[in-house]
Amino acid sequence: MTTETENPAALPAEAVTRVALVVGDDGRARCSWSANDAEYRRYHDEEWGTPQHDPRALYEKLCLEGFQAGLSWITILRRRPAFREAFHGFVPERVAAMTEADVQRLLGDERIIRHRGKIEATISNARATLALDVPLEELMWGFAPTGPRARPQAWDDIPAVTAESTAMSKELRRRGFRFVGPTTMYALMQATGMVDDHFDGCFRAGA
């Protein structure tokens, strides 16, 4: 599977058991993508799919999803503390003040993903966030689907792109954001609880 980003619910077939659920040693059924790594399991249990409304956290997630493009999410999770240190806790006001000298410094920081375009996008996305005429939380959650939707039963039930993620991507791009393609935005919607893609039977489903 080739996608714009490899979010936990859209991992390549060779990287994950294709059953929907696994039962852990604690007796709980979980989405199978979380089965083979302790950090994935913690992320699944504590973060993924939990509604997130904090503007700073949403900006962070936006940036980290952009860094994930073309990589596995576990790579980002393991480096998240270093990303937070490198980008001043993802406080938009502090990131927006970063300069070319900071970019050069981060290009030499082996603890993060050393991709000039993604580093520069993180800075420009902070500036775009500060330029908004509405709160980032209001803007992003305005694209969350409303009304009932069927809970996924199998991997084929989880889309890579939706009309809502496409619309979010288009609007964010219009407002100057970068690395916000529709697949990346659907991964963000899953991660921040705008959609709940925990498989039917997962103990987190509907939580």
C-alpha atoms as a PDB file:
ATOM      1  CA  MET A   1       0.000   0.000   0.000  1.00  0.00           C
ATOM      2  CA  THR A   2       1.428   3.371  -0.973  1.00  0.00           C
ATOM      3  CA  THR A   3      -0.130   6.308   0.810  1.00  0.00           C
ATOM      4  CA  GLU A   4       0.733   9.902   1.518  1.00  0.00           C
ATOM      5  CA  THR A   5       1.263   8.885   5.136  1.00  0.00           C
ATOM      6  CA  GLU A   6       1.320   5.627   7.038  1.00  0.00           C
ATOM      7  CA  ASN A   7      -0.965   6.160  10.022  1.00  0.00           C
ATOM      8  CA  PRO A   8      -1.494   3.283  12.443  1.00  0.00           C
ATOM      9  CA  ALA A   9      -4.800   2.343  10.848  1.00  0.00           C
ATOM     10  CA  ALA A  10      -3.336   2.263   7.347  1.00  0.00           C
ATOM     11  CA  LEU A  11      -0.127   0.295   7.732  1.00  0.00           C
ATOM     12  CA  PRO A  12       1.191  -1.761   4.802  1.00  0.00           C
ATOM     13  CA  ALA A  13      -0.062  -5.324   4.742  1.00  0.00           C
ATOM     14  CA  GLU A  14       3.375  -6.723   5.444  1.00  0.00           C
ATOM     15  CA  ALA A  15       3.731  -4.576   8.576  1.00  0.00           C
ATOM     16  CA  VAL A  16       0.670  -5.674  10.502  1.00  0.00           C
ATOM     17  CA  THR A  17      -1.455  -8.733  11.101  1.00  0.00           C
ATOM     18  CA  ARG A  18      -4.533  -8.214   8.977  1.00  0.00           C
ATOM     19  CA  VAL A  19      -6.992  -9.425  11.548  1.00  0.00           C
ATOM     20  CA  ALA A  20      -8.854  -6.465  12.995  1.00  0.00           C
ATOM     21  CA  LEU A  21      -8.412  -7.268  16.694  1.00  0.00           C
ATOM     22  CA  VAL A  22      -5.934  -8.920  18.994  1.00  0.00           C
ATOM     23  CA  VAL A  23      -6.413  -9.824  22.649  1.00  0.00           C
ATOM     24  CA  GLY A  24      -3.582  -8.700  24.902  1.00  0.00           C
ATOM     25  CA  ASP A  25      -2.159 -10.375  27.953  1.00  0.00           C
ATOM     26  CA  ASP A  26      -4.479  -8.171  30.005  1.00  0.00           C
ATOM     27  CA  GLY A  27      -7.487  -9.776  28.327  1.00  0.00           C
ATOM     28  CA  ARG A  28      -8.458  -6.639  26.412  1.00  0.00           C
ATOM     29  CA  ALA A  29      -9.230  -6.677  22.695  1.00  0.00           C
ATOM     30  CA  ARG A  30      -7.353  -4.004  20.774  1.00  0.00           C
ATOM     31  CA  CYS A  31      -6.921  -2.851  17.187  1.00  0.00           C
ATOM     32  CA  SER A  32      -4.287  -5.160  15.758  1.00  0.00           C
ATOM     33  CA  TRP A  33      -1.917  -2.389  14.638  1.00  0.00           C
ATOM     34  CA  SER A  34      -1.084  -1.794  18.307  1.00  0.00           C
ATOM     35  CA  ALA A  35      -0.139  -5.392  19.065  1.00  0.00           C
ATOM     36  CA  ASN A  36       3.551  -5.654  18.314  1.00  0.00           C
ATOM     37  CA  ASP A  37       5.072  -2.635  20.031  1.00  0.00           C
ATOM     38  CA  ALA A  38       4.692  -1.388  23.594  1.00  0.00           C
ATOM     39  CA  GLU A  39       4.706   2.280  22.561  1.00  0.00           C
ATOM     40  CA  TYR A  40       2.060   1.656  19.900  1.00  0.00           C
ATOM     41  CA  ARG A  41      -0.051  -0.077  22.547  1.00  0.00           C
ATOM     42  CA  ARG A  42       0.286   2.847  24.957  1.00  0.00           C
ATOM     43  CA  TYR A  43      -0.535   5.295  22.170  1.00  0.00           C
ATOM     44  CA  HIS A  44      -3.573   3.238  21.163  1.00  0.00           C
ATOM     45  CA  ASP A  45      -4.817   2.926  24.729  1.00  0.00           C
ATOM     46  CA  GLU A  46      -4.225   6.503  25.850  1.00  0.00           C
ATOM     47  CA  GLU A  47      -4.239   8.827  22.840  1.00  0.00           C
ATOM     48  CA  TRP A  48      -5.383   7.599  19.441  1.00  0.00           C
ATOM     49  CA  GLY A  49      -9.022   8.443  18.818  1.00  0.00           C
ATOM     50  CA  THR A  50      -9.388  10.542  21.981  1.00  0.00           C
ATOM     51  CA  PRO A  51     -11.040  13.903  21.187  1.00  0.00           C
ATOM     52  CA  GLN A  52      -8.372  16.585  21.293  1.00  0.00           C
ATOM     53  CA  HIS A  53      -9.370  20.254  21.409  1.00  0.00           C
ATOM     54  CA  ASP A  54      -6.264  21.927  22.804  1.00  0.00           C
ATOM     55  CA  PRO A  55      -4.936  24.306  20.103  1.00  0.00           C
ATOM     56  CA  ARG A  56      -1.270  23.726  20.944  1.00  0.00           C
ATOM     57  CA  ALA A  57      -1.730  19.955  20.854  1.00  0.00           C
ATOM     58  CA  LEU A  58      -3.593  20.189  17.551  1.00  0.00           C
ATOM     59  CA  TYR A  59      -0.781  22.251  16.039  1.00  0.00           C
ATOM     60  CA  GLU A  60       1.714  19.664  17.280  1.00  0.00           C
ATOM     61  CA  LYS A  61      -0.306  16.830  15.807  1.00  0.00           C
ATOM     62  CA  LEU A  62      -0.617  18.687  12.507  1.00  0.00           C
ATOM     63  CA  CYS A  63       3.162  19.043  12.318  1.00  0.00           C
ATOM     64  CA  LEU A  64       3.987  15.503  13.418  1.00  0.00           C
ATOM     65  CA  GLU A  65       1.537  14.034  10.912  1.00  0.00           C
ATOM     66  CA  GLY A  66       3.388  16.037   8.268  1.00  0.00           C
ATOM     67  CA  PHE A  67       6.731  14.652   9.436  1.00  0.00           C
ATOM     68  CA  GLN A  68       5.227  11.162   9.261  1.00  0.00           C
ATOM     69  CA  ALA A  69       4.523  11.369   5.531  1.00  0.00           C
ATOM     70  CA  GLY A  70       6.307   8.433   3.909  1.00  0.00           C
ATOM     71  CA  LEU A  71       7.350   6.964   7.260  1.00  0.00           C
ATOM     72  CA  SER A  72       5.822   4.758   9.935  1.00  0.00           C
ATOM     73  CA  TRP A  73       4.076   6.433  12.853  1.00  0.00           C
ATOM     74  CA  ILE A  74       6.175   4.528  15.385  1.00  0.00           C
ATOM     75  CA  THR A  75       9.225   6.373  14.025  1.00  0.00           C
ATOM     76  CA  ILE A  76       7.551   9.654  14.967  1.00  0.00           C
ATOM     77  CA  LEU A  77       6.343   8.417  18.350  1.00  0.00           C
ATOM     78  CA  ARG A  78       9.815   7.344  19.383  1.00  0.00           C
ATOM     79  CA  ARG A  79      11.238  10.705  18.381  1.00  0.00           C
ATOM     80  CA  ARG A  80       8.401  12.825  19.739  1.00  0.00           C
ATOM     81  CA  PRO A  81      10.312  13.961  22.869  1.00  0.00           C
ATOM     82  CA  ALA A  82      13.143  15.174  20.641  1.00  0.00           C
ATOM     83  CA  PHE A  83      10.689  16.897  18.300  1.00  0.00           C
ATOM     84  CA  ARG A  84       9.127  18.671  21.267  1.00  0.00           C
ATOM     85  CA  GLU A  85      12.531  19.843  22.452  1.00  0.00           C
ATOM     86  CA  ALA A  86      13.587  20.931  18.971  1.00  0.00           C
ATOM     87  CA  PHE A  87      10.378  22.899  18.343  1.00  0.00           C
ATOM     88  CA  HIS A  88       9.967  24.558  21.749  1.00  0.00           C
ATOM     89  CA  GLY A  89       7.112  22.343  22.883  1.00  0.00           C
ATOM     90  CA  PHE A  90       5.218  23.189  19.688  1.00  0.00           C
ATOM     91  CA  VAL A  91       4.155  26.535  21.120  1.00  0.00           C
ATOM     92  CA  PRO A  92       3.195  28.348  17.881  1.00  0.00           C
ATOM     93  CA  GLU A  93       4.483  31.738  19.012  1.00  0.00           C
ATOM     94  CA  ARG A  94       7.944  30.299  19.729  1.00  0.00           C
ATOM     95  CA  VAL A  95       8.112  28.186  16.578  1.00  0.00           C
ATOM     96  CA  ALA A  96       7.005  31.113  14.408  1.00  0.00           C
ATOM     97  CA  ALA A  97      10.041  33.063  15.611  1.00  0.00           C
ATOM     98  CA  MET A  98      12.517  30.415  14.423  1.00  0.00           C
ATOM     99  CA  THR A  99      14.936  31.443  11.685  1.00  0.00           C
ATOM    100  CA  GLU A 100      17.075  29.943   8.946  1.00  0.00           C
ATOM    101  CA  ALA A 101      19.797  29.439  11.549  1.00  0.00           C
ATOM    102  CA  ASP A 102      17.378  27.213  13.469  1.00  0.00           C
ATOM    103  CA  VAL A 103      16.591  25.296  10.294  1.00  0.00           C
ATOM    104  CA  GLN A 104      20.292  24.674   9.709  1.00  0.00           C
ATOM    105  CA  ARG A 105      20.733  23.569  13.312  1.00  0.00           C
ATOM    106  CA  LEU A 106      17.830  21.105  13.078  1.00  0.00           C
ATOM    107  CA  LEU A 107      19.109  19.700   9.804  1.00  0.00           C
ATOM    108  CA  GLY A 108      22.045  18.458  11.847  1.00  0.00           C
ATOM    109  CA  ASP A 109      19.926  17.036  14.680  1.00  0.00           C
ATOM    110  CA  GLU A 110      19.920  13.252  14.254  1.00  0.00           C
ATOM    111  CA  ARG A 111      17.208  12.839  16.883  1.00  0.00           C
ATOM    112  CA  ILE A 112      14.484  14.169  14.576  1.00  0.00           C
ATOM    113  CA  ILE A 113      13.560  13.710  10.900  1.00  0.00           C
ATOM    114  CA  ARG A 114      16.080  15.871   9.042  1.00  0.00           C
ATOM    115  CA  HIS A 115      13.917  16.960   6.120  1.00  0.00           C
ATOM    116  CA  ARG A 116      14.251  20.624   5.192  1.00  0.00           C
ATOM    117  CA  GLY A 117      10.786  20.899   3.689  1.00  0.00           C
ATOM    118  CA  LYS A 118       9.107  19.433   6.766  1.00  0.00           C
ATOM    119  CA  ILE A 119      11.169  21.548   9.166  1.00  0.00           C
ATOM    120  CA  GLU A 120      10.354  24.688   7.220  1.00  0.00           C
ATOM    121  CA  ALA A 121       6.687  23.683   7.037  1.00  0.00           C
ATOM    122  CA  THR A 122       6.544  23.357  10.827  1.00  0.00           C
ATOM    123  CA  ILE A 123       7.744  26.938  11.126  1.00  0.00           C
ATOM    124  CA  SER A 124       5.485  28.301   8.391  1.00  0.00           C
ATOM    125  CA  ASN A 125       2.532  26.381   9.837  1.00  0.00           C
ATOM    126  CA  ALA A 126       3.113  28.124  13.164  1.00  0.00           C
ATOM    127  CA  ARG A 127       2.950  31.458  11.371  1.00  0.00           C
ATOM    128  CA  ALA A 128      -0.178  30.375   9.514  1.00  0.00           C
ATOM    129  CA  THR A 129      -1.735  29.348  12.835  1.00  0.00           C
ATOM    130  CA  LEU A 130      -1.048  32.759  14.352  1.00  0.00           C
ATOM    131  CA  ALA A 131      -2.526  34.452  11.270  1.00  0.00           C
ATOM    132  CA  LEU A 132      -5.872  32.642  11.554  1.00  0.00           C
ATOM    133  CA  ASP A 133      -9.004  34.703  12.059  1.00  0.00           C
ATOM    134  CA  VAL A 134     -10.611  31.800  13.948  1.00  0.00           C
ATOM    135  CA  PRO A 135      -9.101  29.505  16.602  1.00  0.00           C
ATOM    136  CA  LEU A 136      -7.274  26.507  15.140  1.00  0.00           C
ATOM    137  CA  GLU A 137      -9.512  24.175  17.163  1.00  0.00           C
ATOM    138  CA  GLU A 138     -12.652  25.741  15.700  1.00  0.00           C
ATOM    139  CA  LEU A 139     -11.278  25.602  12.171  1.00  0.00           C
ATOM    140  CA  MET A 140     -10.173  21.979  12.307  1.00  0.00           C
ATOM    141  CA  TRP A 141     -13.117  20.569  14.216  1.00  0.00           C
ATOM    142  CA  GLY A 142     -15.429  22.298  11.750  1.00  0.00           C
ATOM    143  CA  PHE A 143     -14.561  19.486   9.344  1.00  0.00           C
ATOM    144  CA  ALA A 144     -15.328  16.628  11.743  1.00  0.00           C
ATOM    145  CA  PRO A 145     -18.061  14.352  10.350  1.00  0.00           C
ATOM    146  CA  THR A 146     -21.448  14.627  11.994  1.00  0.00           C
ATOM    147  CA  GLY A 147     -24.175  12.066  12.390  1.00  0.00           C
ATOM    148  CA  PRO A 148     -23.937   8.296  12.757  1.00  0.00           C
ATOM    149  CA  ARG A 149     -21.253   6.303  10.948  1.00  0.00           C
ATOM    150  CA  ALA A 150     -20.641   2.588  10.888  1.00  0.00           C
ATOM    151  CA  ARG A 151     -17.799   1.383  13.092  1.00  0.00           C
ATOM    152  CA  PRO A 152     -15.117  -0.436  11.046  1.00  0.00           C
ATOM    153  CA  GLN A 153     -15.273  -4.202  11.186  1.00  0.00           C
ATOM    154  CA  ALA A 154     -12.276  -4.930   8.965  1.00  0.00           C
ATOM    155  CA  TRP A 155      -9.272  -3.132   7.481  1.00  0.00           C
ATOM    156  CA  ASP A 156     -11.074  -2.513   4.206  1.00  0.00           C
ATOM    157  CA  ASP A 157     -13.659  -0.465   6.098  1.00  0.00           C
ATOM    158  CA  ILE A 158     -11.119   2.232   6.943  1.00  0.00           C
ATOM    159  CA  PRO A 159     -10.636   4.831   4.199  1.00  0.00           C
ATOM    160  CA  ALA A 160      -7.400   6.632   3.408  1.00  0.00           C
ATOM    161  CA  VAL A 161      -9.206   9.815   2.366  1.00  0.00           C
ATOM    162  CA  THR A 162     -12.699  11.192   2.960  1.00  0.00           C
ATOM    163  CA  ALA A 163     -14.653  14.163   1.676  1.00  0.00           C
ATOM    164  CA  GLU A 164     -14.111  15.833   5.043  1.00  0.00           C
ATOM    165  CA  SER A 165     -10.341  15.310   5.079  1.00  0.00           C
ATOM    166  CA  THR A 166     -10.152  16.584   1.509  1.00  0.00           C
ATOM    167  CA  ALA A 167     -12.105  19.694   2.446  1.00  0.00           C
ATOM    168  CA  MET A 168      -9.904  20.267   5.520  1.00  0.00           C
ATOM    169  CA  SER A 169      -6.773  19.885   3.403  1.00  0.00           C
ATOM    170  CA  LYS A 170      -8.036  22.366   0.818  1.00  0.00           C
ATOM    171  CA  GLU A 171      -8.937  24.976   3.428  1.00  0.00           C
ATOM    172  CA  LEU A 172      -5.679  24.635   5.345  1.00  0.00           C
ATOM    173  CA  ARG A 173      -3.703  24.955   2.149  1.00  0.00           C
ATOM    174  CA  ARG A 174      -5.701  28.046   1.249  1.00  0.00           C
ATOM    175  CA  ARG A 175      -4.662  29.511   4.582  1.00  0.00           C
ATOM    176  CA  GLY A 176      -0.982  28.825   3.968  1.00  0.00           C
ATOM    177  CA  PHE A 177      -0.447  25.480   5.714  1.00  0.00           C
ATOM    178  CA  ARG A 178       1.908  22.910   4.197  1.00  0.00           C
ATOM    179  CA  PHE A 179       2.192  19.095   4.348  1.00  0.00           C
ATOM    180  CA  VAL A 180      -1.548  18.902   4.950  1.00  0.00           C
ATOM    181  CA  GLY A 181      -2.684  16.587   2.164  1.00  0.00           C
ATOM    182  CA  PRO A 182      -6.046  14.810   2.456  1.00  0.00           C
ATOM    183  CA  THR A 183      -4.539  11.473   3.552  1.00  0.00           C
ATOM    184  CA  THR A 184      -2.441  13.194   6.199  1.00  0.00           C
ATOM    185  CA  MET A 185      -5.520  15.076   7.385  1.00  0.00           C
ATOM    186  CA  TYR A 186      -7.532  11.888   7.678  1.00  0.00           C
ATOM    187  CA  ALA A 187      -4.763  10.424   9.847  1.00  0.00           C
ATOM    188  CA  LEU A 188      -4.989  13.561  11.978  1.00  0.00           C
ATOM    189  CA  MET A 189      -8.773  13.207  12.226  1.00  0.00           C
ATOM    190  CA  GLN A 190      -8.343   9.628  13.447  1.00  0.00           C
ATOM    191  CA  ALA A 191      -5.648  10.561  15.939  1.00  0.00           C
ATOM    192  CA  THR A 192      -7.519  13.506  17.439  1.00  0.00           C
ATOM    193  CA  GLY A 193     -10.902  11.814  17.750  1.00  0.00           C
ATOM    194  CA  MET A 194     -12.647  13.719  14.966  1.00  0.00           C
ATOM    195  CA  VAL A 195     -13.442  10.230  13.737  1.00  0.00           C
ATOM    196  CA  ASP A 196     -13.379   7.055  15.829  1.00  0.00           C
ATOM    197  CA  ASP A 197     -11.807   4.279  13.783  1.00  0.00           C
ATOM    198  CA  HIS A 198     -11.216   1.816  16.600  1.00  0.00           C
ATOM    199  CA  PHE A 199     -12.441  -1.504  15.273  1.00  0.00           C
ATOM    200  CA  ASP A 200     -15.720  -2.926  16.476  1.00  0.00           C
ATOM    201  CA  GLY A 201     -14.919  -4.930  19.586  1.00  0.00           C
ATOM    202  CA  CYS A 202     -11.866  -2.896  20.591  1.00  0.00           C
ATOM    203  CA  PHE A 203     -12.100  -1.880  24.244  1.00  0.00           C
ATOM    204  CA  ARG A 204     -11.497   1.741  23.188  1.00  0.00           C
ATOM    205  CA  ALA A 205     -14.329   1.792  20.646  1.00  0.00           C
ATOM    206  CA  GLY A 206     -16.728   4.551  21.554  1.00  0.00           C
ATOM    207  CA  ALA A 207     -14.687   5.493  24.625  1.00  0.00           C
END
